[in-house]
């Protein structure tokens, strides 16, 4: 779990470092032909954090939780993550991540192993732990942090 926490902790600063010299306009341009902009990728990362981080908190807070899984795409449609400025979005992501990490770091192994019954559309119900969602979040997020790092490194200087 230590490695997962390190990955989750590093993500906001890696995104900040990759975009530090970028112009506001370049953060709205596709990172690759026909792809997402840095702001779009950050919005997606925030939606995953809100969705899966929310599951972690439910599992830690509730006795015998049960819920229907939701796609981060559903979460993003209910937010301003794709329209807010990149700087404001990164600030919000950094604050949200600090709160989630504080919660994870103060949870013992028993709490992280607690389960929820999660209904997965079209797949039935499965048991998932808080640790499962932390790992899933860290793994998925790494792909998108790399995407921002690669895209910004290949972009023209601001």
N, C-alpha and C. Protein backbone atom coordinates (compact mmCIF):
# COMPACT_ATOMS: atom_id res chain seq x y z
N UNK A 1 0.82 -1.19 0.00
CA UNK A 1 0.00 0.00 0.00
C UNK A 1 0.87 1.26 0.00
N UNK A 2 2.08 1.15 0.54
CA UNK A 2 2.96 2.31 0.60
C UNK A 2 3.23 2.85 -0.81
N UNK A 3 3.48 1.96 -1.76
CA UNK A 3 3.75 2.38 -3.14
C UNK A 3 2.53 3.08 -3.75
N UNK A 4 1.35 2.57 -3.48
CA UNK A 4 0.11 3.18 -3.99
C UNK A 4 -0.03 4.60 -3.43
N UNK A 5 0.21 4.75 -2.14
CA UNK A 5 0.11 6.08 -1.53
C UNK A 5 1.14 7.04 -2.13
N UNK A 6 2.35 6.55 -2.38
CA UNK A 6 3.37 7.39 -3.01
C UNK A 6 2.95 7.85 -4.39
N UNK A 7 2.37 6.94 -5.19
CA UNK A 7 1.90 7.31 -6.53
C UNK A 7 0.78 8.34 -6.45
N UNK A 8 -0.17 8.11 -5.54
CA UNK A 8 -1.28 9.06 -5.38
C UNK A 8 -0.77 10.42 -4.91
N UNK A 9 0.22 10.41 -4.04
CA UNK A 9 0.78 11.64 -3.51
C UNK A 9 1.52 12.44 -4.59
N UNK A 10 2.21 11.74 -5.46
CA UNK A 10 3.05 12.40 -6.46
C UNK A 10 2.26 12.98 -7.63
N UNK A 11 1.09 12.48 -7.91
CA UNK A 11 0.37 12.88 -9.12
C UNK A 11 0.15 14.39 -9.26
N UNK A 12 -0.39 15.09 -8.26
CA UNK A 12 -0.60 16.53 -8.45
C UNK A 12 0.69 17.30 -8.74
N UNK A 13 1.78 16.96 -8.05
CA UNK A 13 3.03 17.69 -8.28
C UNK A 13 3.63 17.34 -9.63
N UNK A 14 3.46 16.11 -10.09
CA UNK A 14 3.96 15.75 -11.42
C UNK A 14 3.19 16.51 -12.50
N UNK A 15 1.89 16.62 -12.34
CA UNK A 15 1.10 17.38 -13.31
C UNK A 15 1.51 18.85 -13.27
N UNK A 16 1.69 19.39 -12.07
CA UNK A 16 2.11 20.79 -11.93
C UNK A 16 3.46 21.02 -12.60
N UNK A 17 4.41 20.11 -12.38
CA UNK A 17 5.74 20.26 -12.98
C UNK A 17 5.68 20.18 -14.51
N UNK A 18 4.87 19.27 -15.02
CA UNK A 18 4.78 19.09 -16.48
C UNK A 18 4.14 20.29 -17.17
N UNK A 19 3.33 21.03 -16.45
CA UNK A 19 2.58 22.14 -17.06
C UNK A 19 3.05 23.51 -16.59
N UNK A 20 4.10 23.55 -15.79
CA UNK A 20 4.55 24.80 -15.15
C UNK A 20 4.86 25.92 -16.13
N UNK A 21 5.42 25.61 -17.27
CA UNK A 21 5.80 26.65 -18.22
C UNK A 21 4.82 26.77 -19.38
N UNK A 22 3.73 26.02 -19.32
CA UNK A 22 2.76 26.03 -20.43
C UNK A 22 1.90 27.29 -20.38
N UNK A 23 1.55 27.77 -21.54
CA UNK A 23 0.63 28.90 -21.62
C UNK A 23 -0.79 28.39 -21.37
N UNK A 24 -1.65 29.29 -20.97
CA UNK A 24 -3.06 28.91 -20.74
C UNK A 24 -3.66 28.33 -22.02
N UNK A 25 -3.31 28.89 -23.17
CA UNK A 25 -3.84 28.41 -24.45
C UNK A 25 -3.35 26.99 -24.75
N UNK A 26 -2.08 26.71 -24.47
CA UNK A 26 -1.55 25.38 -24.79
C UNK A 26 -2.19 24.29 -23.94
N UNK A 27 -2.69 24.64 -22.77
CA UNK A 27 -3.35 23.67 -21.90
C UNK A 27 -4.72 23.26 -22.43
N UNK A 28 -5.21 24.00 -23.42
CA UNK A 28 -6.50 23.71 -24.04
C UNK A 28 -6.35 23.01 -25.39
N UNK A 29 -5.12 22.87 -25.86
CA UNK A 29 -4.86 22.22 -27.14
C UNK A 29 -4.69 20.72 -26.94
N UNK A 30 -5.11 19.92 -27.93
CA UNK A 30 -4.95 18.47 -27.79
C UNK A 30 -3.49 18.09 -27.56
N UNK A 31 -3.27 17.15 -26.66
CA UNK A 31 -1.92 16.68 -26.38
C UNK A 31 -1.39 15.82 -27.53
N UNK A 32 -2.31 15.24 -28.27
CA UNK A 32 -1.97 14.47 -29.47
C UNK A 32 -3.10 14.69 -30.46
N UNK A 33 -2.85 14.43 -31.71
CA UNK A 33 -3.85 14.69 -32.74
C UNK A 33 -5.19 14.03 -32.41
N UNK A 34 -6.23 14.85 -32.35
CA UNK A 34 -7.57 14.35 -32.08
C UNK A 34 -7.82 13.93 -30.65
N UNK A 35 -6.87 14.18 -29.75
CA UNK A 35 -6.99 13.71 -28.38
C UNK A 35 -7.45 14.79 -27.41
N UNK A 36 -7.28 14.50 -26.16
CA UNK A 36 -7.68 15.40 -25.08
C UNK A 36 -6.60 16.44 -24.84
N UNK A 37 -7.03 17.58 -24.35
CA UNK A 37 -6.10 18.62 -23.89
C UNK A 37 -5.64 18.27 -22.48
N UNK A 38 -4.64 19.00 -22.00
CA UNK A 38 -4.19 18.81 -20.61
C UNK A 38 -5.35 19.09 -19.65
N UNK A 39 -6.16 20.11 -19.94
CA UNK A 39 -7.30 20.40 -19.07
C UNK A 39 -8.31 19.25 -19.09
N UNK A 40 -8.54 18.66 -20.27
CA UNK A 40 -9.45 17.52 -20.36
C UNK A 40 -8.94 16.32 -19.56
N UNK A 41 -7.65 16.04 -19.68
CA UNK A 41 -7.06 14.91 -18.96
C UNK A 41 -7.15 15.15 -17.46
N UNK A 42 -6.82 16.37 -17.03
CA UNK A 42 -6.92 16.69 -15.61
C UNK A 42 -8.36 16.56 -15.14
N UNK A 43 -9.32 16.99 -15.95
CA UNK A 43 -10.73 16.84 -15.59
C UNK A 43 -11.10 15.37 -15.41
N UNK A 44 -10.60 14.53 -16.29
CA UNK A 44 -10.86 13.09 -16.18
C UNK A 44 -10.21 12.52 -14.91
N UNK A 45 -9.00 12.92 -14.64
CA UNK A 45 -8.30 12.45 -13.44
C UNK A 45 -9.09 12.86 -12.19
N UNK A 46 -9.59 14.09 -12.18
CA UNK A 46 -10.39 14.56 -11.05
C UNK A 46 -11.69 13.76 -10.91
N UNK A 47 -12.31 13.42 -12.03
CA UNK A 47 -13.55 12.65 -11.98
C UNK A 47 -13.28 11.25 -11.42
N UNK A 48 -12.16 10.65 -11.80
CA UNK A 48 -11.80 9.34 -11.25
C UNK A 48 -11.54 9.46 -9.76
N UNK A 49 -10.84 10.51 -9.36
CA UNK A 49 -10.56 10.74 -7.95
C UNK A 49 -11.86 10.94 -7.17
N UNK A 50 -12.76 11.71 -7.72
CA UNK A 50 -14.04 11.96 -7.04
C UNK A 50 -14.86 10.68 -6.93
N UNK A 51 -14.90 9.89 -8.02
CA UNK A 51 -15.70 8.67 -8.04
C UNK A 51 -15.08 7.59 -7.15
N UNK A 52 -13.87 7.18 -7.48
CA UNK A 52 -13.24 6.07 -6.77
C UNK A 52 -12.80 6.47 -5.37
N UNK A 53 -12.37 7.73 -5.20
CA UNK A 53 -12.06 8.21 -3.87
C UNK A 53 -13.30 8.23 -2.99
N UNK A 54 -14.42 8.57 -3.60
CA UNK A 54 -15.69 8.53 -2.87
C UNK A 54 -16.05 7.12 -2.43
N UNK A 55 -15.75 6.14 -3.26
CA UNK A 55 -15.99 4.75 -2.88
C UNK A 55 -15.11 4.37 -1.68
N UNK A 56 -13.87 4.81 -1.71
CA UNK A 56 -12.96 4.53 -0.60
C UNK A 56 -13.55 5.08 0.70
N UNK A 57 -13.99 6.30 0.65
CA UNK A 57 -14.54 6.93 1.86
C UNK A 57 -15.81 6.20 2.33
N UNK A 58 -16.65 5.80 1.41
CA UNK A 58 -17.86 5.06 1.81
C UNK A 58 -17.49 3.75 2.49
N UNK A 59 -16.53 3.05 1.91
CA UNK A 59 -16.12 1.77 2.49
C UNK A 59 -15.54 1.98 3.89
N UNK A 60 -14.78 3.04 4.07
CA UNK A 60 -14.19 3.32 5.38
C UNK A 60 -15.22 3.82 6.38
N UNK A 61 -16.24 4.53 5.91
CA UNK A 61 -17.21 5.17 6.80
C UNK A 61 -18.42 4.33 7.16
N UNK A 62 -18.87 3.50 6.24
CA UNK A 62 -20.14 2.81 6.42
C UNK A 62 -19.95 1.37 6.89
N UNK A 63 -20.90 0.91 7.65
CA UNK A 63 -20.94 -0.50 8.01
C UNK A 63 -21.65 -1.24 6.89
N UNK A 64 -20.99 -2.23 6.33
CA UNK A 64 -21.56 -3.08 5.29
C UNK A 64 -22.10 -2.26 4.11
N UNK A 65 -21.27 -1.41 3.49
CA UNK A 65 -21.76 -0.60 2.38
C UNK A 65 -22.10 -1.43 1.14
N UNK A 66 -23.07 -0.93 0.42
CA UNK A 66 -23.46 -1.53 -0.86
C UNK A 66 -23.85 -0.38 -1.77
N UNK A 67 -23.35 -0.41 -2.99
CA UNK A 67 -23.68 0.66 -3.93
C UNK A 67 -23.50 0.18 -5.36
N UNK A 68 -24.06 0.94 -6.27
CA UNK A 68 -23.94 0.66 -7.70
C UNK A 68 -22.75 1.46 -8.22
N UNK A 69 -21.85 0.80 -8.91
CA UNK A 69 -20.68 1.47 -9.48
C UNK A 69 -21.12 2.47 -10.54
N UNK A 70 -20.43 3.56 -10.58
CA UNK A 70 -20.69 4.61 -11.56
C UNK A 70 -19.40 4.90 -12.30
N UNK A 71 -19.51 5.19 -13.55
CA UNK A 71 -18.34 5.55 -14.34
C UNK A 71 -17.91 6.98 -14.00
N UNK A 72 -16.61 7.22 -13.96
CA UNK A 72 -16.17 8.61 -13.81
C UNK A 72 -16.72 9.53 -14.90
N UNK A 73 -17.10 8.96 -16.03
CA UNK A 73 -17.71 9.78 -17.09
C UNK A 73 -19.03 10.37 -16.61
N UNK A 74 -19.77 9.63 -15.82
CA UNK A 74 -21.01 10.17 -15.24
C UNK A 74 -20.69 11.29 -14.27
N UNK A 75 -19.65 11.09 -13.47
CA UNK A 75 -19.24 12.12 -12.52
C UNK A 75 -18.85 13.41 -13.25
N UNK A 76 -18.09 13.28 -14.30
CA UNK A 76 -17.59 14.47 -14.99
C UNK A 76 -18.73 15.28 -15.61
N UNK A 77 -19.79 14.60 -16.00
CA UNK A 77 -20.93 15.33 -16.59
C UNK A 77 -21.65 16.20 -15.57
N UNK A 78 -21.50 15.89 -14.29
CA UNK A 78 -22.17 16.67 -13.24
C UNK A 78 -21.27 17.74 -12.63
N UNK A 79 -20.10 17.94 -13.21
CA UNK A 79 -19.14 18.88 -12.64
C UNK A 79 -18.73 19.92 -13.67
N UNK A 80 -17.89 20.85 -13.23
CA UNK A 80 -17.31 21.85 -14.13
C UNK A 80 -15.88 21.48 -14.50
N UNK A 81 -15.48 20.23 -14.28
CA UNK A 81 -14.09 19.82 -14.45
C UNK A 81 -13.55 20.08 -15.86
N UNK A 82 -14.41 20.09 -16.86
CA UNK A 82 -13.93 20.30 -18.24
C UNK A 82 -14.02 21.75 -18.68
N UNK A 83 -14.51 22.63 -17.82
CA UNK A 83 -14.64 24.03 -18.21
C UNK A 83 -13.89 24.99 -17.30
N UNK A 84 -13.61 24.58 -16.08
CA UNK A 84 -12.88 25.44 -15.15
C UNK A 84 -11.44 25.61 -15.65
N UNK A 85 -10.79 26.70 -15.28
CA UNK A 85 -9.42 26.91 -15.72
C UNK A 85 -8.51 25.79 -15.22
N UNK A 86 -7.46 25.55 -15.96
CA UNK A 86 -6.53 24.49 -15.58
C UNK A 86 -5.95 24.76 -14.19
N UNK A 87 -5.56 26.00 -13.93
CA UNK A 87 -4.94 26.33 -12.64
C UNK A 87 -5.92 26.07 -11.49
N UNK A 88 -7.15 26.49 -11.64
CA UNK A 88 -8.15 26.27 -10.59
C UNK A 88 -8.42 24.78 -10.42
N UNK A 89 -8.46 24.06 -11.52
CA UNK A 89 -8.70 22.61 -11.46
C UNK A 89 -7.56 21.90 -10.76
N UNK A 90 -6.33 22.29 -11.08
CA UNK A 90 -5.17 21.67 -10.44
C UNK A 90 -5.15 21.98 -8.94
N UNK A 91 -5.48 23.21 -8.57
CA UNK A 91 -5.55 23.56 -7.15
C UNK A 91 -6.58 22.70 -6.43
N UNK A 92 -7.75 22.53 -7.03
CA UNK A 92 -8.82 21.73 -6.42
C UNK A 92 -8.41 20.27 -6.33
N UNK A 93 -7.78 19.76 -7.39
CA UNK A 93 -7.31 18.37 -7.38
C UNK A 93 -6.28 18.15 -6.28
N UNK A 94 -5.36 19.09 -6.15
CA UNK A 94 -4.32 18.99 -5.13
C UNK A 94 -4.94 18.95 -3.73
N UNK A 95 -5.92 19.81 -3.48
CA UNK A 95 -6.59 19.83 -2.17
C UNK A 95 -7.38 18.55 -1.93
N UNK A 96 -8.12 18.11 -2.95
CA UNK A 96 -8.89 16.87 -2.81
C UNK A 96 -7.97 15.67 -2.54
N UNK A 97 -6.86 15.65 -3.24
CA UNK A 97 -5.93 14.53 -3.07
C UNK A 97 -5.31 14.53 -1.67
N UNK A 98 -4.99 15.71 -1.16
CA UNK A 98 -4.43 15.79 0.20
C UNK A 98 -5.43 15.23 1.22
N UNK A 99 -6.71 15.54 1.04
CA UNK A 99 -7.73 15.01 1.95
C UNK A 99 -7.83 13.49 1.86
N UNK A 100 -7.83 12.96 0.64
CA UNK A 100 -7.92 11.51 0.46
C UNK A 100 -6.69 10.82 1.06
N UNK A 101 -5.52 11.37 0.80
CA UNK A 101 -4.30 10.76 1.34
C UNK A 101 -4.28 10.79 2.86
N UNK A 102 -4.73 11.88 3.44
CA UNK A 102 -4.79 11.94 4.91
C UNK A 102 -5.68 10.82 5.44
N UNK A 103 -6.77 10.60 4.76
CA UNK A 103 -7.69 9.55 5.18
C UNK A 103 -7.06 8.17 5.02
N UNK A 104 -6.42 7.92 3.88
CA UNK A 104 -5.80 6.63 3.64
C UNK A 104 -4.65 6.37 4.61
N UNK A 105 -3.86 7.39 4.88
CA UNK A 105 -2.69 7.22 5.75
C UNK A 105 -3.07 6.98 7.21
N UNK A 106 -4.25 7.40 7.58
CA UNK A 106 -4.67 7.18 8.97
C UNK A 106 -5.56 5.94 9.11
N UNK A 107 -5.73 5.21 8.03
CA UNK A 107 -6.53 3.98 8.05
C UNK A 107 -5.59 2.79 8.20
N UNK A 108 -5.91 1.90 9.11
CA UNK A 108 -5.08 0.72 9.28
C UNK A 108 -5.42 -0.33 8.21
N UNK A 109 -4.61 -1.37 8.20
CA UNK A 109 -4.78 -2.43 7.18
C UNK A 109 -6.17 -3.05 7.25
N UNK A 110 -6.71 -3.19 8.44
CA UNK A 110 -8.05 -3.75 8.58
C UNK A 110 -9.11 -2.89 7.93
N UNK A 111 -8.98 -1.58 8.11
CA UNK A 111 -9.95 -0.67 7.49
C UNK A 111 -9.83 -0.71 5.97
N UNK A 112 -8.61 -0.75 5.47
CA UNK A 112 -8.40 -0.77 4.02
C UNK A 112 -8.87 -2.08 3.39
N UNK A 113 -8.97 -3.12 4.21
CA UNK A 113 -9.44 -4.43 3.72
C UNK A 113 -10.95 -4.59 3.86
N UNK A 114 -11.63 -3.60 4.44
CA UNK A 114 -13.10 -3.68 4.54
C UNK A 114 -13.68 -3.75 3.13
N UNK A 115 -14.82 -4.40 3.02
CA UNK A 115 -15.41 -4.58 1.70
C UNK A 115 -16.75 -3.89 1.57
N UNK A 116 -17.09 -3.65 0.32
CA UNK A 116 -18.42 -3.17 -0.05
C UNK A 116 -18.95 -4.13 -1.11
N UNK A 117 -20.26 -4.26 -1.13
CA UNK A 117 -20.90 -5.00 -2.22
C UNK A 117 -21.19 -3.97 -3.31
N UNK A 118 -20.54 -4.15 -4.43
CA UNK A 118 -20.62 -3.19 -5.52
C UNK A 118 -21.32 -3.83 -6.70
N UNK A 119 -22.42 -3.21 -7.11
CA UNK A 119 -23.13 -3.69 -8.29
C UNK A 119 -22.48 -3.08 -9.51
N UNK A 120 -22.02 -3.95 -10.39
CA UNK A 120 -21.35 -3.52 -11.62
C UNK A 120 -22.31 -3.73 -12.77
N UNK A 121 -22.70 -2.66 -13.46
CA UNK A 121 -23.67 -2.80 -14.54
C UNK A 121 -23.27 -3.90 -15.53
N UNK A 122 -24.20 -4.81 -15.75
CA UNK A 122 -23.99 -5.89 -16.70
C UNK A 122 -23.11 -7.02 -16.20
N UNK A 123 -22.60 -6.91 -14.95
CA UNK A 123 -21.67 -7.93 -14.45
C UNK A 123 -22.07 -8.48 -13.10
N UNK A 124 -23.12 -7.98 -12.51
CA UNK A 124 -23.53 -8.50 -11.21
C UNK A 124 -22.90 -7.73 -10.06
N UNK A 125 -22.84 -8.40 -8.92
CA UNK A 125 -22.31 -7.77 -7.71
C UNK A 125 -21.00 -8.44 -7.31
N UNK A 126 -20.03 -7.62 -6.94
CA UNK A 126 -18.73 -8.11 -6.48
C UNK A 126 -18.37 -7.39 -5.19
N UNK A 127 -17.51 -8.02 -4.41
CA UNK A 127 -16.98 -7.36 -3.22
C UNK A 127 -15.69 -6.64 -3.61
N UNK A 128 -15.59 -5.39 -3.18
CA UNK A 128 -14.41 -4.58 -3.46
C UNK A 128 -13.96 -3.92 -2.16
N UNK A 129 -12.66 -3.81 -1.98
CA UNK A 129 -12.11 -3.20 -0.77
C UNK A 129 -11.71 -1.75 -1.04
N UNK A 130 -11.48 -1.03 0.05
CA UNK A 130 -10.95 0.34 -0.07
C UNK A 130 -9.59 0.29 -0.74
N UNK A 131 -8.77 -0.71 -0.37
CA UNK A 131 -7.44 -0.84 -0.97
C UNK A 131 -7.54 -1.10 -2.48
N UNK A 132 -8.54 -1.87 -2.89
CA UNK A 132 -8.74 -2.12 -4.32
C UNK A 132 -8.94 -0.80 -5.06
N UNK A 133 -9.81 0.07 -4.54
CA UNK A 133 -10.08 1.33 -5.22
C UNK A 133 -8.88 2.28 -5.17
N UNK A 134 -8.10 2.25 -4.10
CA UNK A 134 -6.89 3.07 -4.04
C UNK A 134 -5.90 2.61 -5.11
N UNK A 135 -5.73 1.32 -5.23
CA UNK A 135 -4.82 0.77 -6.23
C UNK A 135 -5.31 1.08 -7.64
N UNK A 136 -6.61 0.91 -7.86
CA UNK A 136 -7.18 1.19 -9.18
C UNK A 136 -6.98 2.65 -9.55
N UNK A 137 -7.22 3.54 -8.59
CA UNK A 137 -7.05 4.96 -8.83
C UNK A 137 -5.60 5.28 -9.18
N UNK A 138 -4.67 4.77 -8.40
CA UNK A 138 -3.25 5.05 -8.65
C UNK A 138 -2.80 4.51 -10.01
N UNK A 139 -3.19 3.29 -10.32
CA UNK A 139 -2.78 2.68 -11.58
C UNK A 139 -3.35 3.43 -12.78
N UNK A 140 -4.63 3.72 -12.75
CA UNK A 140 -5.28 4.41 -13.86
C UNK A 140 -4.71 5.82 -14.02
N UNK A 141 -4.52 6.48 -12.92
CA UNK A 141 -4.04 7.85 -12.94
C UNK A 141 -2.64 7.95 -13.54
N UNK A 142 -1.81 6.94 -13.30
CA UNK A 142 -0.45 6.99 -13.83
C UNK A 142 -0.44 7.10 -15.35
N UNK A 143 -1.35 6.41 -16.00
CA UNK A 143 -1.45 6.50 -17.46
C UNK A 143 -1.69 7.94 -17.89
N UNK A 144 -2.56 8.62 -17.16
CA UNK A 144 -2.92 9.99 -17.55
C UNK A 144 -1.87 11.01 -17.14
N UNK A 145 -1.19 10.78 -16.04
CA UNK A 145 -0.09 11.67 -15.67
C UNK A 145 1.00 11.57 -16.74
N UNK A 146 1.32 10.36 -17.16
CA UNK A 146 2.30 10.18 -18.25
C UNK A 146 1.81 10.86 -19.53
N UNK A 147 0.53 10.77 -19.80
CA UNK A 147 -0.05 11.39 -21.00
C UNK A 147 0.20 12.90 -20.97
N UNK A 148 -0.03 13.54 -19.84
CA UNK A 148 0.22 14.97 -19.72
C UNK A 148 1.71 15.26 -19.84
N UNK A 149 2.53 14.48 -19.17
CA UNK A 149 3.98 14.71 -19.23
C UNK A 149 4.50 14.59 -20.66
N UNK A 150 4.09 13.54 -21.37
CA UNK A 150 4.53 13.36 -22.76
C UNK A 150 4.02 14.47 -23.65
N UNK A 151 2.74 14.79 -23.51
CA UNK A 151 2.15 15.80 -24.38
C UNK A 151 2.72 17.18 -24.16
N UNK A 152 2.98 17.53 -22.93
CA UNK A 152 3.53 18.85 -22.65
C UNK A 152 5.00 18.92 -23.04
N UNK A 153 5.73 17.81 -22.93
CA UNK A 153 7.15 17.78 -23.32
C UNK A 153 7.30 17.95 -24.82
N UNK A 154 6.33 17.46 -25.59
CA UNK A 154 6.41 17.56 -27.04
C UNK A 154 5.77 18.82 -27.59
N UNK A 155 5.09 19.59 -26.75
CA UNK A 155 4.45 20.83 -27.19
C UNK A 155 5.48 21.92 -27.41
N UNK A 156 5.11 22.87 -28.21
CA UNK A 156 5.99 24.03 -28.42
C UNK A 156 6.09 24.80 -27.11
N UNK A 157 7.27 25.40 -26.83
CA UNK A 157 7.38 26.18 -25.61
C UNK A 157 6.39 27.33 -25.58
N UNK A 158 5.96 27.69 -24.37
CA UNK A 158 4.97 28.78 -24.20
C UNK A 158 5.57 30.11 -24.58
